[in-house]
Amino acid sequence: MAVRVQSDPFDLGAEANAFVAAQAGGMGAIVTFTGVVRDVAGGLQAMEIEHYPGMTERALHKIEDEARDRWQLGDVLIVHRHGRMQADEMIMMVATAARHRADAFEAAQFLMDYLKSRAPFWKKEHTGQGADWVAARDEDEDALKRW
């Protein structure tokens, strides 16, 4: 179990390999997901993510605890960055380990949906026209209804 909020980039391969290596004894499925900064409209110069230390980590641990209550998980990893990032940089990753693939997949989707909509991060897009805060999207809120 690990939750990390950091400004530094992370090495996806190293994180995934370490997560897999730590799974001893009967984990039959490991699921990973990585979120990347997208330049949807074109012209993105940077994405800036802000958070309140302490508050953010507590919220992520709460989301993780809820996933553990709902699914039979052997382990969970959440890594989320903050600070200024360029298009195509990794923002976050989630990894879940479970004896069965359904638990690993569903828990990973749950974590991703809640991280996207409920984790206390604030995103600002910087373009040639200035900087704007990213508003919540209806489809992200709709994704939470299934849980």
C-alpha atoms as a PDB file:
ATOM      1  CA  MET A   1       0.000   0.000   0.000  1.00  0.00           C
ATOM      2  CA  ALA A   2       1.469   3.314  -1.047  1.00  0.00           C
ATOM      3  CA  VAL A   3       0.139   6.776  -1.775  1.00  0.00           C
ATOM      4  CA  ARG A   4       2.599   9.353  -3.033  1.00  0.00           C
ATOM      5  CA  VAL A   5       2.031  12.953  -4.071  1.00  0.00           C
ATOM      6  CA  GLN A   6       5.135  14.402  -5.671  1.00  0.00           C
ATOM      7  CA  SER A   7       6.362  17.077  -8.034  1.00  0.00           C
ATOM      8  CA  ASP A   8       9.072  14.953  -9.626  1.00  0.00           C
ATOM      9  CA  PRO A   9       8.381  12.760 -12.655  1.00  0.00           C
ATOM     10  CA  PHE A  10       8.144   9.039 -11.977  1.00  0.00           C
ATOM     11  CA  ASP A  11       9.504   6.120 -13.960  1.00  0.00           C
ATOM     12  CA  LEU A  12       6.475   4.075 -14.983  1.00  0.00           C
ATOM     13  CA  GLY A  13       8.497   0.956 -15.754  1.00  0.00           C
ATOM     14  CA  ALA A  14      10.375   1.064 -12.460  1.00  0.00           C
ATOM     15  CA  GLU A  15       7.173   1.726 -10.490  1.00  0.00           C
ATOM     16  CA  ALA A  16       5.305  -1.119 -12.206  1.00  0.00           C
ATOM     17  CA  ASN A  17       8.224  -3.542 -11.855  1.00  0.00           C
ATOM     18  CA  ALA A  18       8.639  -2.741  -8.156  1.00  0.00           C
ATOM     19  CA  PHE A  19       4.900  -3.150  -7.596  1.00  0.00           C
ATOM     20  CA  VAL A  20       4.904  -6.542  -9.341  1.00  0.00           C
ATOM     21  CA  ALA A  21       8.007  -7.688  -7.443  1.00  0.00           C
ATOM     22  CA  ALA A  22       6.351  -6.845  -4.110  1.00  0.00           C
ATOM     23  CA  GLN A  23       3.396  -9.151  -4.823  1.00  0.00           C
ATOM     24  CA  ALA A  24       4.206 -12.451  -3.184  1.00  0.00           C
ATOM     25  CA  GLY A  25       1.770 -15.242  -2.656  1.00  0.00           C
ATOM     26  CA  GLY A  26      -1.107 -15.696  -4.985  1.00  0.00           C
ATOM     27  CA  MET A  27      -1.827 -12.423  -6.722  1.00  0.00           C
ATOM     28  CA  GLY A  28      -3.256 -13.503 -10.055  1.00  0.00           C
ATOM     29  CA  ALA A  29      -3.849 -10.050 -11.535  1.00  0.00           C
ATOM     30  CA  ILE A  30      -2.083  -6.727 -11.604  1.00  0.00           C
ATOM     31  CA  VAL A  31      -3.636  -3.724 -13.327  1.00  0.00           C
ATOM     32  CA  THR A  32      -1.888  -0.430 -13.955  1.00  0.00           C
ATOM     33  CA  PHE A  33      -3.187   2.818 -15.373  1.00  0.00           C
ATOM     34  CA  THR A  34      -1.247   5.958 -16.185  1.00  0.00           C
ATOM     35  CA  GLY A  35      -2.749   9.401 -16.770  1.00  0.00           C
ATOM     36  CA  VAL A  36      -0.957  11.724 -19.193  1.00  0.00           C
ATOM     37  CA  VAL A  37      -1.240  15.484 -19.826  1.00  0.00           C
ATOM     38  CA  ARG A  38      -3.310  15.935 -22.999  1.00  0.00           C
ATOM     39  CA  ASP A  39      -3.255  18.873 -25.371  1.00  0.00           C
ATOM     40  CA  VAL A  40      -6.907  18.472 -26.360  1.00  0.00           C
ATOM     41  CA  ALA A  41      -7.529  21.848 -27.990  1.00  0.00           C
ATOM     42  CA  GLY A  42      -3.997  22.431 -29.248  1.00  0.00           C
ATOM     43  CA  GLY A  43      -1.781  25.185 -27.972  1.00  0.00           C
ATOM     44  CA  LEU A  44      -1.289  23.888 -24.426  1.00  0.00           C
ATOM     45  CA  GLN A  45       1.929  25.309 -23.049  1.00  0.00           C
ATOM     46  CA  ALA A  46       1.683  23.658 -19.642  1.00  0.00           C
ATOM     47  CA  MET A  47      -0.670  22.094 -17.098  1.00  0.00           C
ATOM     48  CA  GLU A  48      -0.257  23.228 -13.515  1.00  0.00           C
ATOM     49  CA  ILE A  49      -1.643  21.095 -10.690  1.00  0.00           C
ATOM     50  CA  GLU A  50      -2.034  22.485  -7.194  1.00  0.00           C
ATOM     51  CA  HIS A  51      -2.946  20.744  -3.944  1.00  0.00           C
ATOM     52  CA  TYR A  52      -2.851  21.160  -0.174  1.00  0.00           C
ATOM     53  CA  PRO A  53      -0.244  18.827   1.360  1.00  0.00           C
ATOM     54  CA  GLY A  54      -1.651  16.668   4.101  1.00  0.00           C
ATOM     55  CA  MET A  55      -5.242  17.176   3.003  1.00  0.00           C
ATOM     56  CA  THR A  56      -4.567  15.583  -0.377  1.00  0.00           C
ATOM     57  CA  GLU A  57      -2.773  12.549   1.049  1.00  0.00           C
ATOM     58  CA  ARG A  58      -5.592  11.967   3.567  1.00  0.00           C
ATOM     59  CA  ALA A  59      -8.159  12.116   0.759  1.00  0.00           C
ATOM     60  CA  LEU A  60      -6.179   9.647  -1.376  1.00  0.00           C
ATOM     61  CA  HIS A  61      -5.831   7.231   1.554  1.00  0.00           C
ATOM     62  CA  LYS A  62      -9.594   7.468   2.121  1.00  0.00           C
ATOM     63  CA  ILE A  63     -10.269   6.620  -1.545  1.00  0.00           C
ATOM     64  CA  GLU A  64      -7.806   3.726  -1.284  1.00  0.00           C
ATOM     65  CA  ASP A  65      -9.470   2.443   1.916  1.00  0.00           C
ATOM     66  CA  GLU A  66     -12.843   2.471   0.198  1.00  0.00           C
ATOM     67  CA  ALA A  67     -11.441   0.424  -2.698  1.00  0.00           C
ATOM     68  CA  ARG A  68     -10.010  -2.097  -0.219  1.00  0.00           C
ATOM     69  CA  ASP A  69     -13.414  -2.357   1.496  1.00  0.00           C
ATOM     70  CA  ARG A  70     -15.185  -3.045  -1.827  1.00  0.00           C
ATOM     71  CA  TRP A  71     -12.727  -5.450  -3.480  1.00  0.00           C
ATOM     72  CA  GLN A  72     -10.340  -8.192  -2.392  1.00  0.00           C
ATOM     73  CA  LEU A  73      -7.016  -6.465  -3.022  1.00  0.00           C
ATOM     74  CA  GLY A  74      -3.537  -7.574  -2.153  1.00  0.00           C
ATOM     75  CA  ASP A  75      -1.982  -4.172  -2.752  1.00  0.00           C
ATOM     76  CA  VAL A  76      -2.595  -0.682  -4.145  1.00  0.00           C
ATOM     77  CA  LEU A  77      -0.272   2.024  -5.425  1.00  0.00           C
ATOM     78  CA  ILE A  78      -1.311   5.613  -6.168  1.00  0.00           C
ATOM     79  CA  VAL A  79       1.234   8.118  -7.477  1.00  0.00           C
ATOM     80  CA  HIS A  80       0.011  11.624  -8.350  1.00  0.00           C
ATOM     81  CA  ARG A  81       2.107  14.576  -9.404  1.00  0.00           C
ATOM     82  CA  HIS A  82       1.653  18.265  -8.755  1.00  0.00           C
ATOM     83  CA  GLY A  83       3.358  21.312 -10.176  1.00  0.00           C
ATOM     84  CA  ARG A  84       3.933  22.355 -13.766  1.00  0.00           C
ATOM     85  CA  MET A  85       3.900  19.707 -16.514  1.00  0.00           C
ATOM     86  CA  GLN A  86       4.102  19.685 -20.292  1.00  0.00           C
ATOM     87  CA  ALA A  87       1.885  17.787 -22.739  1.00  0.00           C
ATOM     88  CA  ASP A  88       2.609  14.044 -22.802  1.00  0.00           C
ATOM     89  CA  GLU A  89       4.107  14.022 -19.290  1.00  0.00           C
ATOM     90  CA  MET A  90       2.694  11.480 -16.849  1.00  0.00           C
ATOM     91  CA  ILE A  91       0.424  12.976 -14.195  1.00  0.00           C
ATOM     92  CA  MET A  92      -0.524   9.911 -12.200  1.00  0.00           C
ATOM     93  CA  MET A  93      -0.586   6.159 -11.989  1.00  0.00           C
ATOM     94  CA  VAL A  94      -2.689   3.596 -10.194  1.00  0.00           C
ATOM     95  CA  ALA A  95      -1.755  -0.048  -9.693  1.00  0.00           C
ATOM     96  CA  THR A  96      -3.889  -2.735  -8.095  1.00  0.00           C
ATOM     97  CA  ALA A  97      -3.083  -6.346  -7.273  1.00  0.00           C
ATOM     98  CA  ALA A  98      -5.685  -8.991  -6.553  1.00  0.00           C
ATOM     99  CA  ARG A  99      -6.122 -12.740  -6.691  1.00  0.00           C
ATOM    100  CA  HIS A 100      -8.688 -12.310  -9.487  1.00  0.00           C
ATOM    101  CA  ARG A 101      -8.709  -9.941 -12.445  1.00  0.00           C
ATOM    102  CA  ALA A 102     -12.235  -8.594 -11.880  1.00  0.00           C
ATOM    103  CA  ASP A 103     -11.236  -7.200  -8.475  1.00  0.00           C
ATOM    104  CA  ALA A 104      -8.028  -5.678  -9.871  1.00  0.00           C
ATOM    105  CA  PHE A 105      -9.760  -4.072 -12.880  1.00  0.00           C
ATOM    106  CA  GLU A 106     -12.805  -2.786 -10.996  1.00  0.00           C
ATOM    107  CA  ALA A 107     -10.759  -1.377  -8.132  1.00  0.00           C
ATOM    108  CA  ALA A 108      -8.419   0.380 -10.578  1.00  0.00           C
ATOM    109  CA  GLN A 109     -11.380   1.916 -12.432  1.00  0.00           C
ATOM    110  CA  PHE A 110     -12.970   3.008  -9.160  1.00  0.00           C
ATOM    111  CA  LEU A 111      -9.709   4.624  -8.030  1.00  0.00           C
ATOM    112  CA  MET A 112      -9.251   6.398 -11.361  1.00  0.00           C
ATOM    113  CA  ASP A 113     -12.829   7.713 -11.385  1.00  0.00           C
ATOM    114  CA  TYR A 114     -12.582   9.014  -7.840  1.00  0.00           C
ATOM    115  CA  LEU A 115      -9.122  10.494  -8.349  1.00  0.00           C
ATOM    116  CA  LYS A 116     -10.398  12.354 -11.411  1.00  0.00           C
ATOM    117  CA  SER A 117     -13.467  13.785  -9.682  1.00  0.00           C
ATOM    118  CA  ARG A 118     -12.960  13.827  -5.928  1.00  0.00           C
ATOM    119  CA  ALA A 119      -9.257  14.066  -5.166  1.00  0.00           C
ATOM    120  CA  PRO A 120      -8.386  17.605  -4.058  1.00  0.00           C
ATOM    121  CA  PHE A 121      -6.238  18.664  -6.980  1.00  0.00           C
ATOM    122  CA  TRP A 122      -6.788  21.861  -8.959  1.00  0.00           C
ATOM    123  CA  LYS A 123      -5.659  22.040 -12.572  1.00  0.00           C
ATOM    124  CA  LYS A 124      -4.814  25.151 -14.545  1.00  0.00           C
ATOM    125  CA  GLU A 125      -4.115  25.084 -18.282  1.00  0.00           C
ATOM    126  CA  HIS A 126      -1.607  27.588 -19.635  1.00  0.00           C
ATOM    127  CA  THR A 127      -2.011  28.524 -23.309  1.00  0.00           C
ATOM    128  CA  GLY A 128      -0.972  31.437 -25.518  1.00  0.00           C
ATOM    129  CA  GLN A 129      -4.260  33.107 -24.550  1.00  0.00           C
ATOM    130  CA  GLY A 130      -3.530  32.949 -20.818  1.00  0.00           C
ATOM    131  CA  ALA A 131      -4.260  30.559 -17.967  1.00  0.00           C
ATOM    132  CA  ASP A 132      -7.633  29.035 -17.028  1.00  0.00           C
ATOM    133  CA  TRP A 133      -8.688  26.656 -14.275  1.00  0.00           C
ATOM    134  CA  VAL A 134     -10.054  23.347 -15.580  1.00  0.00           C
ATOM    135  CA  ALA A 135     -13.732  22.910 -14.712  1.00  0.00           C
ATOM    136  CA  ALA A 136     -15.285  19.620 -13.643  1.00  0.00           C
ATOM    137  CA  ARG A 137     -16.718  17.667 -16.574  1.00  0.00           C
ATOM    138  CA  ASP A 138     -20.186  16.121 -16.594  1.00  0.00           C
ATOM    139  CA  GLU A 139     -18.881  12.805 -17.945  1.00  0.00           C
ATOM    140  CA  ASP A 140     -16.418  12.528 -15.053  1.00  0.00           C
ATOM    141  CA  GLU A 141     -19.242  13.074 -12.567  1.00  0.00           C
ATOM    142  CA  ASP A 142     -21.442  10.586 -14.450  1.00  0.00           C
ATOM    143  CA  ALA A 143     -18.692   7.950 -14.142  1.00  0.00           C
ATOM    144  CA  LEU A 144     -19.080   8.053 -10.356  1.00  0.00           C
ATOM    145  CA  LYS A 145     -22.743   7.010 -10.511  1.00  0.00           C
ATOM    146  CA  ARG A 146     -21.883   3.386 -11.210  1.00  0.00           C
ATOM    147  CA  TRP A 147     -20.028   3.090  -7.912  1.00  0.00           C
END
